């Protein structure tokens, strides 16, 4: 057999081997490259800062954020003030959720909003409790069956010349997300999320920012590109992301990542 035929056989075998994998085999390798389920389970607390750069119709806006999470007990996102406004936060514990916002002036069709600390309504709180997971970036993919979700492998496609497994995840609440997992690294390269998943991804459940997005959130789609990862305790954590939501381009860079360090008691209080 000449070298050309050997090459054809090798390529055919490689393609067939990739395409014959099941969705559970792909997600098992995804877990494996991240240290396994034990690595995720061992992350009890997570604290990190983020710089979010927005480009809204050509106008750049930089926002600093602080994220503090304790598994099952705390999620807090502190957002620095922008455009002359004071800072705000979203706080979720295992018993209640709160938002604190500055007064927001009216503009265009938006009538403005009075600031202050507000307790979340029951429905908003139940949805926000999903953020009480230190590994929330990937929580929907880990043990997805036990969470009432279903996953479907829709084949292999290419994103920027990178071959990716395309996985459709349908959660128990009927929300659908599409994940593109690199066939060589088994890391998530891109995700497509819709509707209220966008609110969860941005951490704005129950906040005025959600109200400002109007009633069209269910029709929106956001593309999340995972540009760069960093290793924390054996887990590949997103360091740089690019998000596209309608006409808004967003870049996020996570820094000062701390795992399993004591969280200051002040972060658990709405103040």
C-alpha atoms as a PDB file:
ATOM      1  CA  UNK A   1       0.000   0.000   0.000  1.00  0.00           C
ATOM      2  CA  UNK A   2       1.541   3.340  -1.025  1.00  0.00           C
ATOM      3  CA  UNK A   3       1.862   6.396   1.233  1.00  0.00           C
ATOM      4  CA  UNK A   4      -1.135   8.153  -0.351  1.00  0.00           C
ATOM      5  CA  UNK A   5      -3.467   5.256   0.454  1.00  0.00           C
ATOM      6  CA  UNK A   6      -2.085   5.064   3.981  1.00  0.00           C
ATOM      7  CA  UNK A   7      -2.819   8.772   4.424  1.00  0.00           C
ATOM      8  CA  UNK A   8      -6.389   8.347   3.153  1.00  0.00           C
ATOM      9  CA  UNK A   9      -6.962   5.451   5.550  1.00  0.00           C
ATOM     10  CA  UNK A  10      -5.566   7.427   8.483  1.00  0.00           C
ATOM     11  CA  UNK A  11      -7.708  10.481   7.757  1.00  0.00           C
ATOM     12  CA  UNK A  12     -10.817   8.348   7.260  1.00  0.00           C
ATOM     13  CA  UNK A  13     -10.215   6.558  10.557  1.00  0.00           C
ATOM     14  CA  UNK A  14      -9.596   9.819  12.416  1.00  0.00           C
ATOM     15  CA  UNK A  15     -12.781  11.450  11.116  1.00  0.00           C
ATOM     16  CA  UNK A  16     -14.834   8.343  11.784  1.00  0.00           C
ATOM     17  CA  UNK A  17     -13.427   8.061  15.310  1.00  0.00           C
ATOM     18  CA  UNK A  18     -14.364  11.687  16.091  1.00  0.00           C
ATOM     19  CA  UNK A  19     -17.861  11.445  14.683  1.00  0.00           C
ATOM     20  CA  UNK A  20     -18.683   8.142  16.397  1.00  0.00           C
ATOM     21  CA  UNK A  21     -18.306   9.560  19.890  1.00  0.00           C
ATOM     22  CA  UNK A  22     -21.468   9.972  21.924  1.00  0.00           C
ATOM     23  CA  UNK A  23     -22.432  13.160  23.729  1.00  0.00           C
ATOM     24  CA  UNK A  24     -21.662  11.510  27.074  1.00  0.00           C
ATOM     25  CA  UNK A  25     -18.183  10.514  25.885  1.00  0.00           C
ATOM     26  CA  UNK A  26     -17.470  14.078  24.767  1.00  0.00           C
ATOM     27  CA  UNK A  27     -18.676  15.568  28.055  1.00  0.00           C
ATOM     28  CA  UNK A  28     -16.730  12.933  30.012  1.00  0.00           C
ATOM     29  CA  UNK A  29     -13.528  14.083  28.288  1.00  0.00           C
ATOM     30  CA  UNK A  30     -14.535  17.696  28.937  1.00  0.00           C
ATOM     31  CA  UNK A  31     -14.737  16.857  32.653  1.00  0.00           C
ATOM     32  CA  UNK A  32     -11.460  14.943  32.475  1.00  0.00           C
ATOM     33  CA  UNK A  33      -9.404  17.829  31.061  1.00  0.00           C
ATOM     34  CA  UNK A  34     -10.790  19.940  33.902  1.00  0.00           C
ATOM     35  CA  UNK A  35      -9.574  17.554  36.576  1.00  0.00           C
ATOM     36  CA  UNK A  36     -12.749  15.502  36.855  1.00  0.00           C
ATOM     37  CA  UNK A  37     -15.889  16.006  38.915  1.00  0.00           C
ATOM     38  CA  UNK A  38     -13.776  15.945  42.076  1.00  0.00           C
ATOM     39  CA  UNK A  39     -11.952  19.101  41.011  1.00  0.00           C
ATOM     40  CA  UNK A  40     -15.243  20.949  40.551  1.00  0.00           C
ATOM     41  CA  UNK A  41     -16.577  19.607  43.849  1.00  0.00           C
ATOM     42  CA  UNK A  42     -13.447  20.759  45.707  1.00  0.00           C
ATOM     43  CA  UNK A  43     -14.042  24.410  44.780  1.00  0.00           C
ATOM     44  CA  UNK A  44     -15.987  25.716  47.777  1.00  0.00           C
ATOM     45  CA  UNK A  45     -15.409  29.456  47.353  1.00  0.00           C
ATOM     46  CA  UNK A  46     -14.402  31.582  44.385  1.00  0.00           C
ATOM     47  CA  UNK A  47     -13.481  35.265  44.343  1.00  0.00           C
ATOM     48  CA  UNK A  48     -12.286  37.227  41.333  1.00  0.00           C
ATOM     49  CA  UNK A  49     -12.281  40.647  39.743  1.00  0.00           C
ATOM     50  CA  UNK A  50     -13.298  41.399  36.188  1.00  0.00           C
ATOM     51  CA  UNK A  51     -12.919  44.272  33.787  1.00  0.00           C
ATOM     52  CA  UNK A  52     -15.841  44.438  31.369  1.00  0.00           C
ATOM     53  CA  UNK A  53     -15.386  46.505  28.226  1.00  0.00           C
ATOM     54  CA  UNK A  54     -18.534  47.387  26.322  1.00  0.00           C
ATOM     55  CA  UNK A  55     -18.770  48.861  22.863  1.00  0.00           C
ATOM     56  CA  UNK A  56     -22.239  50.318  22.440  1.00  0.00           C
ATOM     57  CA  UNK A  57     -22.676  51.747  18.957  1.00  0.00           C
ATOM     58  CA  UNK A  58     -19.067  52.908  18.869  1.00  0.00           C
ATOM     59  CA  UNK A  59     -18.974  54.252  22.432  1.00  0.00           C
ATOM     60  CA  UNK A  60     -16.499  52.342  24.670  1.00  0.00           C
ATOM     61  CA  UNK A  61     -17.422  51.817  28.334  1.00  0.00           C
ATOM     62  CA  UNK A  62     -15.229  50.095  30.957  1.00  0.00           C
ATOM     63  CA  UNK A  63     -16.859  48.572  34.031  1.00  0.00           C
ATOM     64  CA  UNK A  64     -15.051  46.981  36.978  1.00  0.00           C
ATOM     65  CA  UNK A  65     -16.732  44.064  38.751  1.00  0.00           C
ATOM     66  CA  UNK A  66     -16.029  41.956  41.828  1.00  0.00           C
ATOM     67  CA  UNK A  67     -17.497  38.449  42.062  1.00  0.00           C
ATOM     68  CA  UNK A  68     -17.755  36.543  45.350  1.00  0.00           C
ATOM     69  CA  UNK A  69     -19.264  33.042  45.488  1.00  0.00           C
ATOM     70  CA  UNK A  70     -19.635  30.379  48.168  1.00  0.00           C
ATOM     71  CA  UNK A  71     -21.225  27.145  47.021  1.00  0.00           C
ATOM     72  CA  UNK A  72     -24.867  27.029  48.044  1.00  0.00           C
ATOM     73  CA  UNK A  73     -24.611  30.089  50.288  1.00  0.00           C
ATOM     74  CA  UNK A  74     -23.511  33.251  48.494  1.00  0.00           C
ATOM     75  CA  UNK A  75     -23.331  34.994  45.159  1.00  0.00           C
ATOM     76  CA  UNK A  76     -22.397  38.666  45.064  1.00  0.00           C
ATOM     77  CA  UNK A  77     -21.527  40.802  42.067  1.00  0.00           C
ATOM     78  CA  UNK A  78     -20.331  44.340  42.790  1.00  0.00           C
ATOM     79  CA  UNK A  79     -20.439  46.664  39.768  1.00  0.00           C
ATOM     80  CA  UNK A  80     -18.558  49.941  39.728  1.00  0.00           C
ATOM     81  CA  UNK A  81     -20.413  53.122  38.854  1.00  0.00           C
ATOM     82  CA  UNK A  82     -20.498  54.243  35.247  1.00  0.00           C
ATOM     83  CA  UNK A  83     -21.459  57.404  33.422  1.00  0.00           C
ATOM     84  CA  UNK A  84     -21.469  59.371  36.678  1.00  0.00           C
ATOM     85  CA  UNK A  85     -23.695  56.926  38.578  1.00  0.00           C
ATOM     86  CA  UNK A  86     -22.861  55.210  41.879  1.00  0.00           C
ATOM     87  CA  UNK A  87     -21.952  51.547  42.160  1.00  0.00           C
ATOM     88  CA  UNK A  88     -24.486  48.709  42.398  1.00  0.00           C
ATOM     89  CA  UNK A  89     -24.625  45.066  43.414  1.00  0.00           C
ATOM     90  CA  UNK A  90     -26.584  41.850  43.179  1.00  0.00           C
ATOM     91  CA  UNK A  91     -26.640  39.707  46.325  1.00  0.00           C
ATOM     92  CA  UNK A  92     -28.030  36.170  46.518  1.00  0.00           C
ATOM     93  CA  UNK A  93     -27.865  33.923  49.583  1.00  0.00           C
ATOM     94  CA  UNK A  94     -29.562  30.630  50.359  1.00  0.00           C
ATOM     95  CA  UNK A  95     -32.444  32.529  51.995  1.00  0.00           C
ATOM     96  CA  UNK A  96     -33.011  35.726  49.979  1.00  0.00           C
ATOM     97  CA  UNK A  97     -31.841  37.920  47.108  1.00  0.00           C
ATOM     98  CA  UNK A  98     -31.281  41.669  46.905  1.00  0.00           C
ATOM     99  CA  UNK A  99     -30.281  44.293  44.387  1.00  0.00           C
ATOM    100  CA  UNK A 100     -28.808  47.698  45.134  1.00  0.00           C
ATOM    101  CA  UNK A 101     -28.811  50.312  42.399  1.00  0.00           C
ATOM    102  CA  UNK A 102     -28.293  54.048  42.071  1.00  0.00           C
ATOM    103  CA  UNK A 103     -30.929  56.375  40.710  1.00  0.00           C
ATOM    104  CA  UNK A 104     -31.032  55.922  36.941  1.00  0.00           C
ATOM    105  CA  UNK A 105     -32.024  58.971  34.896  1.00  0.00           C
ATOM    106  CA  UNK A 106     -34.471  58.716  32.009  1.00  0.00           C
ATOM    107  CA  UNK A 107     -33.277  58.568  28.422  1.00  0.00           C
ATOM    108  CA  UNK A 108     -35.068  57.826  25.164  1.00  0.00           C
ATOM    109  CA  UNK A 109     -38.042  55.550  25.808  1.00  0.00           C
ATOM    110  CA  UNK A 110     -36.688  54.561  29.229  1.00  0.00           C
ATOM    111  CA  UNK A 111     -38.529  56.439  31.990  1.00  0.00           C
ATOM    112  CA  UNK A 112     -35.723  56.233  34.524  1.00  0.00           C
ATOM    113  CA  UNK A 113     -35.669  54.320  37.808  1.00  0.00           C
ATOM    114  CA  UNK A 114     -35.416  55.096  41.492  1.00  0.00           C
ATOM    115  CA  UNK A 115     -32.434  53.482  43.179  1.00  0.00           C
ATOM    116  CA  UNK A 116     -32.004  51.777  46.537  1.00  0.00           C
ATOM    117  CA  UNK A 117     -31.887  48.274  48.002  1.00  0.00           C
ATOM    118  CA  UNK A 118     -34.704  45.990  46.898  1.00  0.00           C
ATOM    119  CA  UNK A 119     -35.519  42.429  47.887  1.00  0.00           C
ATOM    120  CA  UNK A 120     -36.082  40.069  44.977  1.00  0.00           C
ATOM    121  CA  UNK A 121     -39.527  38.682  44.306  1.00  0.00           C
ATOM    122  CA  UNK A 122     -39.910  34.925  44.877  1.00  0.00           C
ATOM    123  CA  UNK A 123     -39.690  33.954  41.192  1.00  0.00           C
ATOM    124  CA  UNK A 124     -36.615  36.113  40.544  1.00  0.00           C
ATOM    125  CA  UNK A 125     -34.936  34.743  43.679  1.00  0.00           C
ATOM    126  CA  UNK A 126     -35.528  31.119  42.656  1.00  0.00           C
ATOM    127  CA  UNK A 127     -33.875  31.786  39.294  1.00  0.00           C
ATOM    128  CA  UNK A 128     -31.024  33.753  40.854  1.00  0.00           C
ATOM    129  CA  UNK A 129     -30.208  30.846  43.202  1.00  0.00           C
ATOM    130  CA  UNK A 130     -28.667  29.104  40.189  1.00  0.00           C
ATOM    131  CA  UNK A 131     -25.731  31.488  40.693  1.00  0.00           C
ATOM    132  CA  UNK A 132     -24.912  29.800  44.028  1.00  0.00           C
ATOM    133  CA  UNK A 133     -22.415  27.578  42.236  1.00  0.00           C
ATOM    134  CA  UNK A 134     -18.726  28.490  42.194  1.00  0.00           C
ATOM    135  CA  UNK A 135     -18.298  26.712  38.865  1.00  0.00           C
ATOM    136  CA  UNK A 136     -21.375  28.298  37.318  1.00  0.00           C
ATOM    137  CA  UNK A 137     -19.653  28.796  33.955  1.00  0.00           C
ATOM    138  CA  UNK A 138     -19.889  25.044  33.357  1.00  0.00           C
ATOM    139  CA  UNK A 139     -22.432  23.959  35.950  1.00  0.00           C
ATOM    140  CA  UNK A 140     -25.092  23.151  33.363  1.00  0.00           C
ATOM    141  CA  UNK A 141     -22.807  20.615  31.626  1.00  0.00           C
ATOM    142  CA  UNK A 142     -21.595  18.806  34.740  1.00  0.00           C
ATOM    143  CA  UNK A 143     -23.965  16.007  35.800  1.00  0.00           C
ATOM    144  CA  UNK A 144     -26.554  17.447  33.422  1.00  0.00           C
ATOM    145  CA  UNK A 145     -28.825  14.402  33.715  1.00  0.00           C
ATOM    146  CA  UNK A 146     -29.221  14.752  37.470  1.00  0.00           C
ATOM    147  CA  UNK A 147     -30.364  18.337  36.868  1.00  0.00           C
ATOM    148  CA  UNK A 148     -33.140  17.214  34.549  1.00  0.00           C
ATOM    149  CA  UNK A 149     -31.395  18.382  31.375  1.00  0.00           C
ATOM    150  CA  UNK A 150     -30.894  16.535  28.102  1.00  0.00           C
ATOM    151  CA  UNK A 151     -27.912  16.791  25.755  1.00  0.00           C
ATOM    152  CA  UNK A 152     -27.629  16.047  22.056  1.00  0.00           C
ATOM    153  CA  UNK A 153     -24.496  15.842  19.921  1.00  0.00           C
ATOM    154  CA  UNK A 154     -25.329  17.578  16.634  1.00  0.00           C
ATOM    155  CA  UNK A 155     -22.114  16.629  14.844  1.00  0.00           C
ATOM    156  CA  UNK A 156     -18.856  18.438  14.200  1.00  0.00           C
ATOM    157  CA  UNK A 157     -18.564  21.961  12.833  1.00  0.00           C
ATOM    158  CA  UNK A 158     -15.790  24.527  12.442  1.00  0.00           C
ATOM    159  CA  UNK A 159     -15.391  27.833  14.236  1.00  0.00           C
ATOM    160  CA  UNK A 160     -12.523  29.979  12.953  1.00  0.00           C
ATOM    161  CA  UNK A 161     -10.984  26.855  11.372  1.00  0.00           C
ATOM    162  CA  UNK A 162     -11.190  24.942  14.662  1.00  0.00           C
ATOM    163  CA  UNK A 163     -13.157  21.679  14.626  1.00  0.00           C
ATOM    164  CA  UNK A 164     -15.735  21.610  17.407  1.00  0.00           C
ATOM    165  CA  UNK A 165     -18.350  19.230  18.732  1.00  0.00           C
ATOM    166  CA  UNK A 166     -21.731  20.968  18.633  1.00  0.00           C
ATOM    167  CA  UNK A 167     -23.808  20.076  21.684  1.00  0.00           C
ATOM    168  CA  UNK A 168     -27.392  21.141  22.252  1.00  0.00           C
ATOM    169  CA  UNK A 169     -28.311  21.276  25.929  1.00  0.00           C
ATOM    170  CA  UNK A 170     -31.985  21.548  26.906  1.00  0.00           C
ATOM    171  CA  UNK A 171     -32.479  22.364  30.576  1.00  0.00           C
ATOM    172  CA  UNK A 172     -35.427  21.290  32.700  1.00  0.00           C
ATOM    173  CA  UNK A 173     -36.939  24.775  32.286  1.00  0.00           C
ATOM    174  CA  UNK A 174     -36.866  24.271  28.482  1.00  0.00           C
ATOM    175  CA  UNK A 175     -34.098  26.835  28.015  1.00  0.00           C
ATOM    176  CA  UNK A 176     -31.706  25.769  25.233  1.00  0.00           C
ATOM    177  CA  UNK A 177     -27.978  26.437  24.973  1.00  0.00           C
ATOM    178  CA  UNK A 178     -25.553  25.418  22.234  1.00  0.00           C
ATOM    179  CA  UNK A 179     -21.969  24.583  23.202  1.00  0.00           C
ATOM    180  CA  UNK A 180     -19.042  24.214  20.807  1.00  0.00           C
ATOM    181  CA  UNK A 181     -16.294  22.057  22.335  1.00  0.00           C
ATOM    182  CA  UNK A 182     -12.855  21.937  20.688  1.00  0.00           C
ATOM    183  CA  UNK A 183     -12.270  18.394  19.364  1.00  0.00           C
ATOM    184  CA  UNK A 184      -8.571  18.507  20.271  1.00  0.00           C
ATOM    185  CA  UNK A 185      -8.556  20.237  23.688  1.00  0.00           C
ATOM    186  CA  UNK A 186     -12.110  19.409  24.817  1.00  0.00           C
ATOM    187  CA  UNK A 187     -12.462  22.970  26.115  1.00  0.00           C
ATOM    188  CA  UNK A 188     -15.506  25.105  25.340  1.00  0.00           C
ATOM    189  CA  UNK A 189     -14.705  27.448  22.478  1.00  0.00           C
ATOM    190  CA  UNK A 190     -18.099  29.109  22.138  1.00  0.00           C
ATOM    191  CA  UNK A 191     -21.601  29.047  23.586  1.00  0.00           C
ATOM    192  CA  UNK A 192     -24.881  30.394  22.269  1.00  0.00           C
ATOM    193  CA  UNK A 193     -27.488  31.196  24.893  1.00  0.00           C
ATOM    194  CA  UNK A 194     -30.935  32.713  24.655  1.00  0.00           C
ATOM    195  CA  UNK A 195     -33.664  34.289  26.741  1.00  0.00           C
ATOM    196  CA  UNK A 196     -33.334  34.287  30.505  1.00  0.00           C
ATOM    197  CA  UNK A 197     -30.015  32.414  30.322  1.00  0.00           C
ATOM    198  CA  UNK A 198     -28.529  35.734  29.225  1.00  0.00           C
ATOM    199  CA  UNK A 199     -29.738  37.333  32.447  1.00  0.00           C
ATOM    200  CA  UNK A 200     -28.131  34.520  34.446  1.00  0.00           C
ATOM    201  CA  UNK A 201     -24.859  34.734  32.484  1.00  0.00           C
ATOM    202  CA  UNK A 202     -24.614  38.467  33.140  1.00  0.00           C
ATOM    203  CA  UNK A 203     -25.625  38.068  36.788  1.00  0.00           C
ATOM    204  CA  UNK A 204     -28.398  40.673  36.610  1.00  0.00           C
ATOM    205  CA  UNK A 205     -31.391  38.578  37.712  1.00  0.00           C
ATOM    206  CA  UNK A 206     -33.875  40.792  39.569  1.00  0.00           C
ATOM    207  CA  UNK A 207     -31.905  43.981  38.911  1.00  0.00           C
ATOM    208  CA  UNK A 208     -33.032  47.134  37.042  1.00  0.00           C
ATOM    209  CA  UNK A 209     -30.598  46.244  34.254  1.00  0.00           C
ATOM    210  CA  UNK A 210     -32.928  43.358  33.450  1.00  0.00           C
ATOM    211  CA  UNK A 211     -35.884  45.750  33.334  1.00  0.00           C
ATOM    212  CA  UNK A 212     -33.937  48.089  31.062  1.00  0.00           C
ATOM    213  CA  UNK A 213     -33.540  45.242  28.557  1.00  0.00           C
ATOM    214  CA  UNK A 214     -37.308  45.311  28.192  1.00  0.00           C
ATOM    215  CA  UNK A 215     -39.678  42.480  27.360  1.00  0.00           C
ATOM    216  CA  UNK A 216     -37.657  41.258  24.382  1.00  0.00           C
ATOM    217  CA  UNK A 217     -35.190  39.225  26.447  1.00  0.00           C
ATOM    218  CA  UNK A 218     -36.846  35.944  25.421  1.00  0.00           C
ATOM    219  CA  UNK A 219     -36.099  36.749  21.770  1.00  0.00           C
ATOM    220  CA  UNK A 220     -32.463  37.702  22.335  1.00  0.00           C
ATOM    221  CA  UNK A 221     -29.414  35.547  21.621  1.00  0.00           C
ATOM    222  CA  UNK A 222     -25.956  36.055  23.064  1.00  0.00           C
ATOM    223  CA  UNK A 223     -22.762  34.519  21.713  1.00  0.00           C
ATOM    224  CA  UNK A 224     -20.022  33.822  24.270  1.00  0.00           C
ATOM    225  CA  UNK A 225     -16.513  33.173  22.944  1.00  0.00           C
ATOM    226  CA  UNK A 226     -13.967  31.673  25.346  1.00  0.00           C
ATOM    227  CA  UNK A 227     -10.756  33.311  24.185  1.00  0.00           C
ATOM    228  CA  UNK A 228      -8.307  32.293  26.924  1.00  0.00           C
ATOM    229  CA  UNK A 229      -8.303  30.008  29.958  1.00  0.00           C
ATOM    230  CA  UNK A 230      -6.217  29.929  33.112  1.00  0.00           C
ATOM    231  CA  UNK A 231      -5.604  26.955  35.405  1.00  0.00           C
ATOM    232  CA  UNK A 232      -7.040  27.093  38.926  1.00  0.00           C
ATOM    233  CA  UNK A 233      -6.788  23.955  41.032  1.00  0.00           C
ATOM    234  CA  UNK A 234      -6.754  21.784  37.903  1.00  0.00           C
ATOM    235  CA  UNK A 235      -9.777  23.506  36.358  1.00  0.00           C
ATOM    236  CA  UNK A 236      -9.537  25.556  33.178  1.00  0.00           C
ATOM    237  CA  UNK A 237     -11.265  28.789  34.200  1.00  0.00           C
ATOM    238  CA  UNK A 238     -12.160  31.437  31.584  1.00  0.00           C
ATOM    239  CA  UNK A 239      -9.705  34.328  31.721  1.00  0.00           C
ATOM    240  CA  UNK A 240     -10.863  36.216  28.636  1.00  0.00           C
ATOM    241  CA  UNK A 241     -14.271  36.126  26.980  1.00  0.00           C
ATOM    242  CA  UNK A 242     -15.964  37.976  24.154  1.00  0.00           C
ATOM    243  CA  UNK A 243     -19.730  38.400  24.220  1.00  0.00           C
ATOM    244  CA  UNK A 244     -22.024  39.636  21.495  1.00  0.00           C
ATOM    245  CA  UNK A 245     -25.550  40.714  22.381  1.00  0.00           C
ATOM    246  CA  UNK A 246     -27.370  42.491  19.583  1.00  0.00           C
ATOM    247  CA  UNK A 247     -25.440  45.663  18.726  1.00  0.00           C
ATOM    248  CA  UNK A 248     -23.373  45.447  21.917  1.00  0.00           C
ATOM    249  CA  UNK A 249     -19.893  43.891  21.913  1.00  0.00           C
ATOM    250  CA  UNK A 250     -18.503  42.957  25.336  1.00  0.00           C
ATOM    251  CA  UNK A 251     -15.021  41.848  26.382  1.00  0.00           C
ATOM    252  CA  UNK A 252     -14.430  40.391  29.845  1.00  0.00           C
ATOM    253  CA  UNK A 253     -11.061  39.766  31.482  1.00  0.00           C
ATOM    254  CA  UNK A 254     -11.049  37.957  34.843  1.00  0.00           C
ATOM    255  CA  UNK A 255      -8.148  38.615  37.231  1.00  0.00           C
ATOM    256  CA  UNK A 256      -7.074  38.080  40.857  1.00  0.00           C
ATOM    257  CA  UNK A 257      -8.760  34.672  41.026  1.00  0.00           C
ATOM    258  CA  UNK A 258      -8.843  33.206  44.548  1.00  0.00           C
ATOM    259  CA  UNK A 259     -10.087  29.702  45.332  1.00  0.00           C
ATOM    260  CA  UNK A 260     -11.159  28.369  48.740  1.00  0.00           C
ATOM    261  CA  UNK A 261     -10.098  31.481  50.617  1.00  0.00           C
ATOM    262  CA  UNK A 262     -12.137  32.913  53.483  1.00  0.00           C
ATOM    263  CA  UNK A 263     -14.838  35.363  52.403  1.00  0.00           C
ATOM    264  CA  UNK A 264     -15.278  38.564  54.396  1.00  0.00           C
ATOM    265  CA  UNK A 265     -18.560  38.511  56.366  1.00  0.00           C
ATOM    266  CA  UNK A 266     -19.546  41.921  54.969  1.00  0.00           C
ATOM    267  CA  UNK A 267     -20.308  40.439  51.558  1.00  0.00           C
ATOM    268  CA  UNK A 268     -23.203  38.393  52.943  1.00  0.00           C
ATOM    269  CA  UNK A 269     -25.124  41.493  54.064  1.00  0.00           C
ATOM    270  CA  UNK A 270     -27.337  43.827  52.036  1.00  0.00           C
ATOM    271  CA  UNK A 271     -26.021  47.259  52.971  1.00  0.00           C
END
